[in-house]
């Protein structure tokens, strides 16, 4: 398991799912 963390601590497996969640969070945070 390579140490590939961008600061979150969780690997990027499903970028599509994460992108949807991030978009929703951004809309809610707005």
C-alpha atoms as a PDB file:
ATOM      1  CA  UNK A   1       0.000   0.000   0.000  1.00  0.00           C
ATOM      2  CA  UNK A   2       1.776   3.119  -1.213  1.00  0.00           C
ATOM      3  CA  UNK A   3       1.516   6.219   0.947  1.00  0.00           C
ATOM      4  CA  UNK A   4      -0.391   8.458  -1.459  1.00  0.00           C
ATOM      5  CA  UNK A   5      -2.318  10.946   0.641  1.00  0.00           C
ATOM      6  CA  UNK A   6      -3.133  14.477  -0.453  1.00  0.00           C
ATOM      7  CA  UNK A   7      -3.954  15.660   3.032  1.00  0.00           C
ATOM      8  CA  UNK A   8      -7.263  13.866   3.580  1.00  0.00           C
ATOM      9  CA  UNK A   9      -5.987  10.497   4.773  1.00  0.00           C
ATOM     10  CA  UNK A  10      -8.131   8.417   2.453  1.00  0.00           C
ATOM     11  CA  UNK A  11      -7.135   7.085  -0.995  1.00  0.00           C
ATOM     12  CA  UNK A  12      -8.965   8.289  -4.082  1.00  0.00           C
ATOM     13  CA  UNK A  13     -10.769   5.195  -5.350  1.00  0.00           C
ATOM     14  CA  UNK A  14     -14.054   6.565  -6.632  1.00  0.00           C
ATOM     15  CA  UNK A  15     -13.372  10.134  -7.714  1.00  0.00           C
ATOM     16  CA  UNK A  16     -16.863  10.396  -9.204  1.00  0.00           C
ATOM     17  CA  UNK A  17     -18.536   9.627  -5.887  1.00  0.00           C
ATOM     18  CA  UNK A  18     -16.201  11.948  -3.984  1.00  0.00           C
ATOM     19  CA  UNK A  19     -16.777  14.663  -6.570  1.00  0.00           C
ATOM     20  CA  UNK A  20     -20.536  14.411  -6.115  1.00  0.00           C
ATOM     21  CA  UNK A  21     -20.181  14.595  -2.341  1.00  0.00           C
ATOM     22  CA  UNK A  22     -17.796  17.544  -2.591  1.00  0.00           C
ATOM     23  CA  UNK A  23     -20.191  19.369  -4.917  1.00  0.00           C
ATOM     24  CA  UNK A  24     -23.100  18.778  -2.538  1.00  0.00           C
ATOM     25  CA  UNK A  25     -21.022  19.952   0.426  1.00  0.00           C
ATOM     26  CA  UNK A  26     -19.982  23.076  -1.445  1.00  0.00           C
ATOM     27  CA  UNK A  27     -23.588  23.837  -2.358  1.00  0.00           C
ATOM     28  CA  UNK A  28     -24.689  23.331   1.235  1.00  0.00           C
ATOM     29  CA  UNK A  29     -21.812  25.435   2.537  1.00  0.00           C
ATOM     30  CA  UNK A  30     -22.611  28.284   0.157  1.00  0.00           C
END
